[in-house]
Protein backbone atom coordinates (compact mmCIF):
# COMPACT_ATOMS: atom_id res chain seq x y z
CA UNK A 1 169.85 100.86 90.68
CA UNK A 2 166.46 100.72 88.99
CA UNK A 3 166.94 97.13 87.86
CA UNK A 4 168.72 94.22 89.47
CA UNK A 5 171.60 92.48 87.74
CA UNK A 6 171.56 89.33 85.66
CA UNK A 7 174.35 86.87 84.99
CA UNK A 8 175.47 85.09 81.83
CA UNK A 9 173.06 84.34 78.99
CA UNK A 10 171.29 80.98 79.22
CA UNK A 11 169.49 78.78 76.75
CA UNK A 12 166.44 79.92 74.82
CA UNK A 13 162.90 78.99 75.62
CA UNK A 14 159.86 78.76 73.40
CA UNK A 15 157.51 81.73 73.25
CA UNK A 16 154.71 79.63 71.78
CA UNK A 17 151.99 77.69 73.50
CA UNK A 18 152.56 79.38 76.87
CA UNK A 19 149.67 80.83 78.86
CA UNK A 20 151.76 83.32 80.79
CA UNK A 21 153.10 86.61 79.45
CA UNK A 22 156.43 86.26 77.66
CA UNK A 23 158.59 89.33 77.19
CA UNK A 24 161.53 87.72 75.42
CA UNK A 25 162.23 84.34 73.87
CA UNK A 26 165.54 84.40 75.70
CA UNK A 27 164.96 82.68 79.03
CA UNK A 28 167.47 84.83 80.91
CA UNK A 29 166.15 88.16 79.65
CA UNK A 30 162.55 87.04 80.15
CA UNK A 31 163.27 86.04 83.76
CA UNK A 32 165.09 89.33 84.34
CA UNK A 33 162.16 91.39 83.06
CA UNK A 34 159.70 89.47 85.24
CA UNK A 35 161.93 89.88 88.30
CA UNK A 36 161.99 93.64 87.79
CA UNK A 37 158.31 94.07 86.89
CA UNK A 38 157.55 96.49 89.72
CA UNK A 39 160.46 98.77 88.76
CA UNK A 40 159.56 98.61 85.08
CA UNK A 41 156.02 99.76 85.85
CA UNK A 42 157.48 103.08 86.98
CA UNK A 43 160.16 103.46 84.31
CA UNK A 44 160.06 106.70 82.35
CA UNK A 45 160.80 107.06 78.66
CA UNK A 46 164.03 108.88 79.55
CA UNK A 47 165.16 105.88 81.61
CA UNK A 48 164.09 103.48 78.85
CA UNK A 49 166.35 105.32 76.41
CA UNK A 50 169.26 104.32 78.65
CA UNK A 51 168.68 100.63 77.86
CA UNK A 52 170.53 98.73 75.15
CA UNK A 53 168.91 97.51 71.95
CA UNK A 54 169.30 94.04 73.41
CA UNK A 55 166.72 94.50 76.13
CA UNK A 56 164.67 97.62 75.40
CA UNK A 57 161.83 95.86 73.53
CA UNK A 58 161.38 93.14 76.20
CA UNK A 59 161.26 95.93 78.79
CA UNK A 60 158.74 97.89 76.70
CA UNK A 61 156.51 94.81 76.54
CA UNK A 62 156.32 94.88 80.34
CA UNK A 63 155.00 98.45 80.42
CA UNK A 64 151.45 99.15 81.50
CA UNK A 65 148.97 100.35 78.86
CA UNK A 66 149.22 103.90 80.21
CA UNK A 67 153.03 103.76 80.08
CA UNK A 68 153.02 102.63 76.45
CA UNK A 69 150.60 105.35 75.45
CA UNK A 70 152.59 108.01 77.31
CA UNK A 71 155.82 106.62 75.85
CA UNK A 72 154.63 107.29 72.28
CA UNK A 73 153.11 110.67 73.17
CA UNK A 74 156.49 111.72 74.56
CA UNK A 75 158.28 110.45 71.46
CA UNK A 76 156.04 112.65 69.32
CA UNK A 77 156.85 115.59 71.60
CA UNK A 78 160.55 114.90 70.94
CA UNK A 79 159.91 114.77 67.21
CA UNK A 80 158.16 118.14 67.28
CA UNK A 81 161.38 119.83 68.41
CA UNK A 82 163.16 118.93 65.16
CA UNK A 83 163.27 121.43 62.24
CA UNK A 84 160.43 120.05 60.11
CA UNK A 85 158.55 121.98 57.46
CA UNK A 86 154.99 123.01 58.32
CA UNK A 87 153.64 120.24 56.10
CA UNK A 88 155.85 117.61 57.72
CA UNK A 89 154.94 118.71 61.23
CA UNK A 90 151.27 118.57 60.31
CA UNK A 91 151.74 114.94 59.24
CA UNK A 92 153.47 114.07 62.50
CA UNK A 93 150.55 115.62 64.36
CA UNK A 94 148.16 113.35 62.44
CA UNK A 95 149.98 110.52 64.19
CA UNK A 96 149.43 112.27 67.51
CA UNK A 97 145.71 112.63 66.79
CA UNK A 98 145.50 108.95 65.93
CA UNK A 99 147.09 108.10 69.27
CA UNK A 100 144.62 110.33 71.11
CA UNK A 101 141.68 108.62 69.41
CA UNK A 102 142.97 105.06 69.77
CA UNK A 103 144.43 104.79 73.24
CA UNK A 104 142.81 101.36 73.63
CA UNK A 105 145.35 99.91 71.18
CA UNK A 106 147.85 99.92 74.04
CA UNK A 107 145.62 97.89 76.35
CA UNK A 108 147.96 94.84 76.31
CA UNK A 109 144.99 92.83 75.05
CA UNK A 110 144.66 91.30 71.61
CA UNK A 111 143.31 93.83 69.12
CA UNK A 112 139.77 93.32 67.90
CA UNK A 113 139.26 92.85 64.17
CA UNK A 114 137.86 96.37 63.96
CA UNK A 115 140.83 97.86 65.80
CA UNK A 116 143.29 96.02 63.58
CA UNK A 117 141.46 97.14 60.43
CA UNK A 118 141.56 100.76 61.61
CA UNK A 119 145.25 100.48 62.43
CA UNK A 120 146.04 98.82 59.09
CA UNK A 121 144.19 101.49 57.11
CA UNK A 122 145.67 104.41 59.03
CA UNK A 123 149.23 103.08 58.88
CA UNK A 124 148.98 102.41 55.14
CA UNK A 125 147.65 105.91 54.39
CA UNK A 126 150.10 107.59 56.77
CA UNK A 127 153.12 105.83 55.25
CA UNK A 128 151.89 106.33 51.69
CA UNK A 129 151.48 110.07 52.22
CA UNK A 130 154.87 110.33 53.89
CA UNK A 131 156.57 108.68 50.92
CA UNK A 132 154.66 110.24 48.03
CA UNK A 133 153.80 113.72 49.31
CA UNK A 134 156.67 114.44 51.68
CA UNK A 135 159.38 112.42 49.98
CA UNK A 136 160.38 110.77 53.23
CA UNK A 137 162.75 107.83 53.01
CA UNK A 138 161.86 104.40 54.34
CA UNK A 139 164.56 104.89 56.97
CA UNK A 140 162.95 108.08 58.25
CA UNK A 141 159.47 106.55 58.36
CA UNK A 142 160.83 103.56 60.25
CA UNK A 143 162.61 105.82 62.72
CA UNK A 144 159.40 107.71 63.46
CA UNK A 145 156.80 104.94 63.74
CA UNK A 146 158.47 101.53 64.08
CA UNK A 147 160.89 102.02 66.95
CA UNK A 148 160.69 103.76 70.28
CA UNK A 149 164.24 105.05 69.97
CA UNK A 150 164.84 108.79 69.88
CA UNK A 151 165.16 110.39 66.42
CA UNK A 152 168.15 112.75 66.29
CA UNK A 153 167.42 114.60 63.04
CA UNK A 154 165.00 114.88 60.11
CA UNK A 155 166.98 112.24 58.19
CA UNK A 156 165.91 109.58 60.67
CA UNK A 157 169.19 109.04 62.51
CA UNK A 158 168.43 107.07 65.65
CA UNK A 159 170.01 107.45 69.08
CA UNK A 160 170.66 103.88 70.25
CA UNK A 161 172.86 102.10 72.78
CA UNK A 162 174.87 98.88 72.60
CA UNK A 163 175.23 98.82 76.37
CA UNK A 164 172.71 99.88 78.97
CA UNK A 165 173.49 102.78 81.25
CA UNK A 166 174.87 101.53 84.56
CA UNK A 167 172.44 103.86 86.30
CA UNK A 168 169.54 101.94 84.73
CA UNK A 169 170.61 98.28 84.67
CA UNK A 170 173.55 96.05 85.47
CA UNK A 171 173.90 93.54 82.67
CA UNK A 172 176.81 91.29 81.85
CA UNK A 173 178.73 91.96 78.60
CA UNK A 174 177.45 88.65 77.22
CA UNK A 175 173.83 89.50 78.00
CA UNK A 176 174.23 92.89 76.33
CA UNK A 177 175.88 91.67 73.14
CA UNK A 178 174.39 88.25 72.47
CA UNK A 179 171.22 88.15 70.39
CA UNK A 180 168.65 85.40 70.12
CA UNK A 181 168.74 83.80 66.72
CA UNK A 182 165.42 82.05 67.36
CA UNK A 183 163.31 85.09 68.25
CA UNK A 184 161.27 86.76 65.51
CA UNK A 185 162.11 90.43 65.10
CA UNK A 186 159.69 91.79 62.50
CA UNK A 187 156.06 91.61 61.39
CA UNK A 188 155.31 89.95 58.08
CA UNK A 189 152.26 92.14 57.37
CA UNK A 190 153.77 95.49 58.33
CA UNK A 191 155.06 98.05 55.85
CA UNK A 192 157.77 99.22 58.26
CA UNK A 193 159.33 96.06 59.62
CA UNK A 194 162.63 95.88 57.76
CA UNK A 195 163.28 99.34 56.30
CA UNK A 196 166.75 99.55 57.80
CA UNK A 197 167.93 96.21 56.40
CA UNK A 198 166.66 96.47 52.84
CA UNK A 199 164.83 93.14 53.18
CA UNK A 200 161.20 92.17 53.50
CA UNK A 201 159.96 90.49 56.65
CA UNK A 202 159.40 86.83 55.86
CA UNK A 203 158.14 83.85 57.80
CA UNK A 204 161.01 81.86 59.26
CA UNK A 205 161.75 79.34 61.97
CA UNK A 206 161.58 81.79 64.83
CA UNK A 207 159.67 82.20 68.06
CA UNK A 208 156.79 84.71 67.90
CA UNK A 209 155.95 87.40 70.44
CA UNK A 210 152.63 89.22 70.78
CA UNK A 211 153.85 92.76 70.13
CA UNK A 212 156.96 94.88 69.69
CA UNK A 213 157.09 95.06 65.90
CA UNK A 214 155.63 97.10 63.05
CA UNK A 215 153.71 100.38 63.20
CA UNK A 216 153.90 101.86 66.72
CA UNK A 217 155.30 98.44 67.75
CA UNK A 218 151.69 97.25 68.03
CA UNK A 219 152.04 94.21 65.78
CA UNK A 220 153.26 90.77 66.73
CA UNK A 221 156.78 89.72 65.79
CA UNK A 222 156.31 86.70 63.52
CA UNK A 223 159.18 86.72 61.02
CA UNK A 224 162.75 87.72 60.29
CA UNK A 225 164.16 90.22 57.80
CA UNK A 226 164.99 88.30 54.65
CA UNK A 227 163.81 85.09 56.26
CA UNK A 228 167.21 84.50 57.83
């Protein structure tokens, strides 16, 4: 097995005010990711797609900068195989060009003010064009740029898993199905945080994490959809 097993879900721990890297606000999942760090550093995108929605973002947070960059390049390659119009494919390739020119965004370090400004401007223009010129739905835009999951069609249908593949990880049913109510899961400044729920991302009593939300999952998770 690529990853070692974990037992039943334990209590939550704070993600704030901690000097060490935190991958999940759930103590059990966080410990599990740390214990498997060496295996995760060699995980491919194809293997990652075998993980459940419960753990795939914490695992992604443990990737090296090169892994994260390659991960998104490979997702764009997947997208290119779908039956887009020439104009739509050109817009997807603008995203690819942005990745090529901004590899440093995946450095696992805090973005500089200049980097964040560039990302904010590009993401706003890219989303605005997609909506107004291409007529893309919020769901499709989210599927392309706000989640690492594979996009199955040009409507934005995502290929996701409720349980991880046994060939990738052994997780207990409780660990797979239980979700942390205290962990933030969206970015309050992002235009793509809550497209699938119909809510806006709002500040709430939740534990923040440094990345995993918003455009290209580069933004911190600091709120919940609808403030719930």
